[in-house]
Amino acid sequence: SFDVSNASFNILASKPNLILPNDGENLLTGTVTDIRWSTTGVIENIAIDYSTNNGTTWQSVSPANSGNSGHYQWTVPHQISDQCLVRVSNADHPEIFDISENTFQIVASLPTLVSPNGGEQLLSGTTVPIQWNTTGSISDILIEYSLDNGASWIAVTPPNTGNTGTYD
């Protein structure tokens, strides 16, 4: 003996839902940002890919995501583009995925010179501290100066190493 349902019903596949980045964000190269998602149903492993050409080609994040925690700490690659997307998919069934609703941008991390920044009168042979701020993540700052209004540039001696925000 058996029983039959009174009406038909649907069985839906488990599906990931991308939360971030999802709509026009500006991400700085070299910084760490959260990729966030939720899932409907049970998915054991989520694969994460990104595109810098509006989905024409995809690259896996590195290191690869493992499991399904709902978030991944992504180091934004040094690939400047305004046509970026993220895709989260069921690692066992890659045809089940979600993609960013709109493109976002990967923009360059930049140093900003604080001092000297123009108008100073510097004496030959003296040590002048150079200071800067950094937006984003830059591991090494090259410091150069010009004696001909920017037509040519000379590296400071000794060369700067790292990114401490100051050079003497």
C-alpha atoms as a PDB file:
ATOM      1  CA  SER A   1       0.000   0.000   0.000  1.00  0.00           C
ATOM      2  CA  PHE A   2       1.210   3.545  -0.688  1.00  0.00           C
ATOM      3  CA  ASP A   3       0.016   7.119  -0.782  1.00  0.00           C
ATOM      4  CA  VAL A   4       0.383   9.689  -3.587  1.00  0.00           C
ATOM      5  CA  SER A   5       0.687  13.466  -3.244  1.00  0.00           C
ATOM      6  CA  ASN A   6      -2.542  15.385  -3.607  1.00  0.00           C
ATOM      7  CA  ALA A   7      -0.875  17.814  -6.047  1.00  0.00           C
ATOM      8  CA  SER A   8       2.338  18.120  -8.018  1.00  0.00           C
ATOM      9  CA  PHE A   9       5.331  19.925  -6.528  1.00  0.00           C
ATOM     10  CA  ASN A  10       8.759  21.161  -7.668  1.00  0.00           C
ATOM     11  CA  ILE A  11      12.183  20.123  -6.467  1.00  0.00           C
ATOM     12  CA  LEU A  12      14.596  23.003  -6.820  1.00  0.00           C
ATOM     13  CA  ALA A  13      18.367  22.733  -7.060  1.00  0.00           C
ATOM     14  CA  SER A  14      20.462  24.204  -4.279  1.00  0.00           C
ATOM     15  CA  LYS A  15      21.781  27.558  -5.474  1.00  0.00           C
ATOM     16  CA  PRO A  16      24.373  30.108  -4.349  1.00  0.00           C
ATOM     17  CA  ASN A  17      23.410  33.791  -4.141  1.00  0.00           C
ATOM     18  CA  LEU A  18      26.244  36.346  -4.497  1.00  0.00           C
ATOM     19  CA  ILE A  19      25.946  39.249  -2.030  1.00  0.00           C
ATOM     20  CA  LEU A  20      29.278  41.111  -2.450  1.00  0.00           C
ATOM     21  CA  PRO A  21      30.730  42.470  -4.686  1.00  0.00           C
ATOM     22  CA  ASN A  22      27.526  42.956  -6.558  1.00  0.00           C
ATOM     23  CA  ASP A  23      26.939  46.515  -7.716  1.00  0.00           C
ATOM     24  CA  GLY A  24      29.495  49.043  -8.885  1.00  0.00           C
ATOM     25  CA  GLU A  25      32.077  48.847  -6.080  1.00  0.00           C
ATOM     26  CA  ASN A  26      35.573  50.326  -6.533  1.00  0.00           C
ATOM     27  CA  LEU A  27      38.187  47.878  -5.236  1.00  0.00           C
ATOM     28  CA  LEU A  28      41.830  48.853  -4.798  1.00  0.00           C
ATOM     29  CA  THR A  29      44.556  46.584  -6.175  1.00  0.00           C
ATOM     30  CA  GLY A  30      46.403  44.585  -3.543  1.00  0.00           C
ATOM     31  CA  THR A  31      43.813  45.126  -0.813  1.00  0.00           C
ATOM     32  CA  VAL A  32      41.764  42.380   0.836  1.00  0.00           C
ATOM     33  CA  THR A  33      38.003  42.522   0.366  1.00  0.00           C
ATOM     34  CA  ASP A  34      35.179  40.177   1.322  1.00  0.00           C
ATOM     35  CA  ILE A  35      33.363  38.087  -1.254  1.00  0.00           C
ATOM     36  CA  ARG A  36      30.050  37.145   0.415  1.00  0.00           C
ATOM     37  CA  TRP A  37      27.280  34.766  -0.591  1.00  0.00           C
ATOM     38  CA  SER A  38      24.395  32.779   0.817  1.00  0.00           C
ATOM     39  CA  THR A  39      22.999  29.472  -0.372  1.00  0.00           C
ATOM     40  CA  THR A  40      19.533  28.118  -0.840  1.00  0.00           C
ATOM     41  CA  GLY A  41      19.660  24.437   0.028  1.00  0.00           C
ATOM     42  CA  VAL A  42      22.830  22.503   0.761  1.00  0.00           C
ATOM     43  CA  ILE A  43      26.060  23.054  -1.179  1.00  0.00           C
ATOM     44  CA  GLU A  44      29.218  21.601   0.323  1.00  0.00           C
ATOM     45  CA  ASN A  45      31.817  23.495  -1.737  1.00  0.00           C
ATOM     46  CA  ILE A  46      31.605  26.880  -3.434  1.00  0.00           C
ATOM     47  CA  ALA A  47      33.958  27.744  -6.294  1.00  0.00           C
ATOM     48  CA  ILE A  48      34.795  31.423  -6.804  1.00  0.00           C
ATOM     49  CA  ASP A  49      35.917  32.983 -10.073  1.00  0.00           C
ATOM     50  CA  TYR A  50      36.378  36.545 -11.267  1.00  0.00           C
ATOM     51  CA  SER A  51      36.370  38.236 -14.653  1.00  0.00           C
ATOM     52  CA  THR A  52      37.983  41.510 -15.697  1.00  0.00           C
ATOM     53  CA  ASN A  53      36.265  41.576 -19.103  1.00  0.00           C
ATOM     54  CA  ASN A  54      32.541  41.407 -18.274  1.00  0.00           C
ATOM     55  CA  GLY A  55      32.430  37.598 -18.211  1.00  0.00           C
ATOM     56  CA  THR A  56      34.184  36.816 -21.486  1.00  0.00           C
ATOM     57  CA  THR A  57      36.832  34.863 -19.570  1.00  0.00           C
ATOM     58  CA  TRP A  58      37.061  33.750 -15.924  1.00  0.00           C
ATOM     59  CA  GLN A  59      39.936  33.150 -13.505  1.00  0.00           C
ATOM     60  CA  SER A  60      39.741  31.220 -10.232  1.00  0.00           C
ATOM     61  CA  VAL A  61      40.601  33.104  -7.064  1.00  0.00           C
ATOM     62  CA  SER A  62      43.904  32.143  -5.505  1.00  0.00           C
ATOM     63  CA  PRO A  63      44.121  30.413  -3.165  1.00  0.00           C
ATOM     64  CA  ALA A  64      40.996  28.492  -4.095  1.00  0.00           C
ATOM     65  CA  ASN A  65      38.017  28.615  -1.751  1.00  0.00           C
ATOM     66  CA  SER A  66      37.236  25.444   0.195  1.00  0.00           C
ATOM     67  CA  GLY A  67      33.921  24.674   1.820  1.00  0.00           C
ATOM     68  CA  ASN A  68      30.908  26.955   2.063  1.00  0.00           C
ATOM     69  CA  SER A  69      31.420  29.505   4.842  1.00  0.00           C
ATOM     70  CA  GLY A  70      29.520  32.295   3.084  1.00  0.00           C
ATOM     71  CA  HIS A  71      32.577  34.519   2.768  1.00  0.00           C
ATOM     72  CA  TYR A  72      36.068  34.574   1.285  1.00  0.00           C
ATOM     73  CA  GLN A  73      38.895  37.058   1.922  1.00  0.00           C
ATOM     74  CA  TRP A  74      39.995  38.004  -1.602  1.00  0.00           C
ATOM     75  CA  THR A  75      43.244  39.801  -2.343  1.00  0.00           C
ATOM     76  CA  VAL A  76      42.248  42.057  -5.235  1.00  0.00           C
ATOM     77  CA  PRO A  77      44.554  41.324  -8.189  1.00  0.00           C
ATOM     78  CA  HIS A  78      46.663  43.957  -9.928  1.00  0.00           C
ATOM     79  CA  GLN A  79      44.434  43.863 -13.011  1.00  0.00           C
ATOM     80  CA  ILE A  80      42.887  47.310 -13.501  1.00  0.00           C
ATOM     81  CA  SER A  81      39.471  47.155 -15.161  1.00  0.00           C
ATOM     82  CA  ASP A  82      36.003  48.681 -15.009  1.00  0.00           C
ATOM     83  CA  GLN A  83      34.363  45.492 -16.345  1.00  0.00           C
ATOM     84  CA  CYS A  84      34.817  43.146 -13.357  1.00  0.00           C
ATOM     85  CA  LEU A  85      32.454  40.432 -12.142  1.00  0.00           C
ATOM     86  CA  VAL A  86      32.557  37.699  -9.494  1.00  0.00           C
ATOM     87  CA  ARG A  87      30.919  34.298  -9.938  1.00  0.00           C
ATOM     88  CA  VAL A  88      30.124  31.847  -7.138  1.00  0.00           C
ATOM     89  CA  SER A  89      29.145  28.329  -8.165  1.00  0.00           C
ATOM     90  CA  ASN A  90      28.476  24.884  -6.806  1.00  0.00           C
ATOM     91  CA  ALA A  91      31.954  23.320  -7.149  1.00  0.00           C
ATOM     92  CA  ASP A  92      30.364  19.915  -7.896  1.00  0.00           C
ATOM     93  CA  HIS A  93      27.867  21.355 -10.405  1.00  0.00           C
ATOM     94  CA  PRO A  94      29.460  24.469 -11.982  1.00  0.00           C
ATOM     95  CA  GLU A  95      26.395  25.056 -14.120  1.00  0.00           C
ATOM     96  CA  ILE A  96      24.669  26.222 -10.909  1.00  0.00           C
ATOM     97  CA  PHE A  97      26.035  29.708 -10.192  1.00  0.00           C
ATOM     98  CA  ASP A  98      25.326  33.352  -9.473  1.00  0.00           C
ATOM     99  CA  ILE A  99      27.193  36.362 -10.913  1.00  0.00           C
ATOM    100  CA  SER A 100      27.529  39.993  -9.802  1.00  0.00           C
ATOM    101  CA  GLU A 101      24.395  41.955 -10.753  1.00  0.00           C
ATOM    102  CA  ASN A 102      26.528  44.751 -12.246  1.00  0.00           C
ATOM    103  CA  THR A 103      30.188  45.236 -13.035  1.00  0.00           C
ATOM    104  CA  PHE A 104      32.569  46.730 -10.487  1.00  0.00           C
ATOM    105  CA  GLN A 105      35.989  48.356 -10.875  1.00  0.00           C
ATOM    106  CA  ILE A 106      39.473  47.343  -9.853  1.00  0.00           C
ATOM    107  CA  VAL A 107      41.426  50.590  -9.513  1.00  0.00           C
ATOM    108  CA  ALA A 108      45.105  51.239  -8.844  1.00  0.00           C
ATOM    109  CA  SER A 109      46.401  51.755  -5.334  1.00  0.00           C
ATOM    110  CA  LEU A 110      48.121  55.142  -5.204  1.00  0.00           C
ATOM    111  CA  PRO A 111      50.660  57.035  -3.123  1.00  0.00           C
ATOM    112  CA  THR A 112      49.982  60.738  -2.397  1.00  0.00           C
ATOM    113  CA  LEU A 113      52.939  63.005  -1.741  1.00  0.00           C
ATOM    114  CA  VAL A 114      52.548  64.988   1.513  1.00  0.00           C
ATOM    115  CA  SER A 115      55.888  66.821   1.631  1.00  0.00           C
ATOM    116  CA  PRO A 116      57.731  68.350  -0.014  1.00  0.00           C
ATOM    117  CA  ASN A 117      54.816  69.101  -2.301  1.00  0.00           C
ATOM    118  CA  GLY A 118      55.764  72.289  -4.131  1.00  0.00           C
ATOM    119  CA  GLY A 119      56.750  75.811  -3.255  1.00  0.00           C
ATOM    120  CA  GLU A 120      59.434  74.830  -0.716  1.00  0.00           C
ATOM    121  CA  GLN A 121      62.959  76.191  -1.016  1.00  0.00           C
ATOM    122  CA  LEU A 122      65.420  73.381  -0.344  1.00  0.00           C
ATOM    123  CA  LEU A 123      69.104  73.869   0.332  1.00  0.00           C
ATOM    124  CA  SER A 124      71.625  71.817  -1.600  1.00  0.00           C
ATOM    125  CA  GLY A 125      73.371  69.162   0.526  1.00  0.00           C
ATOM    126  CA  THR A 126      70.708  69.092   3.268  1.00  0.00           C
ATOM    127  CA  THR A 127      68.541  66.117   4.178  1.00  0.00           C
ATOM    128  CA  VAL A 128      64.868  66.713   3.464  1.00  0.00           C
ATOM    129  CA  PRO A 129      62.318  64.224   4.840  1.00  0.00           C
ATOM    130  CA  ILE A 130      59.915  62.979   2.179  1.00  0.00           C
ATOM    131  CA  GLN A 131      56.463  61.919   3.396  1.00  0.00           C
ATOM    132  CA  TRP A 132      53.537  60.271   1.633  1.00  0.00           C
ATOM    133  CA  ASN A 133      50.239  58.525   2.290  1.00  0.00           C
ATOM    134  CA  THR A 134      49.081  55.421   0.494  1.00  0.00           C
ATOM    135  CA  THR A 135      45.580  54.550  -0.658  1.00  0.00           C
ATOM    136  CA  GLY A 136      45.356  50.792  -1.086  1.00  0.00           C
ATOM    137  CA  SER A 137      48.200  48.333  -0.802  1.00  0.00           C
ATOM    138  CA  ILE A 138      51.627  49.119  -2.264  1.00  0.00           C
ATOM    139  CA  SER A 139      54.599  47.158  -0.960  1.00  0.00           C
ATOM    140  CA  ASP A 140      57.409  49.308  -2.393  1.00  0.00           C
ATOM    141  CA  ILE A 141      57.554  53.025  -3.211  1.00  0.00           C
ATOM    142  CA  LEU A 142      60.029  54.318  -5.785  1.00  0.00           C
ATOM    143  CA  ILE A 143      61.187  57.869  -4.972  1.00  0.00           C
ATOM    144  CA  GLU A 144      62.578  60.062  -7.720  1.00  0.00           C
ATOM    145  CA  TYR A 145      63.189  63.775  -8.102  1.00  0.00           C
ATOM    146  CA  SER A 146      63.456  66.129 -11.058  1.00  0.00           C
ATOM    147  CA  LEU A 147      65.740  69.106 -11.606  1.00  0.00           C
ATOM    148  CA  ASP A 148      64.125  70.102 -14.910  1.00  0.00           C
ATOM    149  CA  ASN A 149      60.418  70.404 -14.099  1.00  0.00           C
ATOM    150  CA  GLY A 150      59.650  66.734 -14.790  1.00  0.00           C
ATOM    151  CA  ALA A 151      61.410  66.311 -18.142  1.00  0.00           C
ATOM    152  CA  SER A 152      63.706  63.695 -16.559  1.00  0.00           C
ATOM    153  CA  TRP A 153      63.820  61.893 -13.196  1.00  0.00           C
ATOM    154  CA  ILE A 154      66.619  60.746 -10.865  1.00  0.00           C
ATOM    155  CA  ALA A 155      66.193  58.049  -8.185  1.00  0.00           C
ATOM    156  CA  VAL A 156      67.106  59.046  -4.628  1.00  0.00           C
ATOM    157  CA  THR A 157      70.313  57.597  -3.164  1.00  0.00           C
ATOM    158  CA  PRO A 158      70.195  55.288  -1.302  1.00  0.00           C
ATOM    159  CA  PRO A 159      67.018  53.919  -2.885  1.00  0.00           C
ATOM    160  CA  ASN A 160      63.861  53.661  -0.812  1.00  0.00           C
ATOM    161  CA  THR A 161      62.764  50.168   0.226  1.00  0.00           C
ATOM    162  CA  GLY A 162      59.288  49.261   1.415  1.00  0.00           C
ATOM    163  CA  ASN A 163      56.400  51.611   2.142  1.00  0.00           C
ATOM    164  CA  THR A 164      56.807  53.267   5.546  1.00  0.00           C
ATOM    165  CA  GLY A 165      55.350  56.646   4.521  1.00  0.00           C
ATOM    166  CA  THR A 166      58.622  58.460   5.098  1.00  0.00           C
ATOM    167  CA  TYR A 167      62.127  58.690   3.654  1.00  0.00           C
ATOM    168  CA  ASP A 168      65.046  60.739   5.006  1.00  0.00           C
END
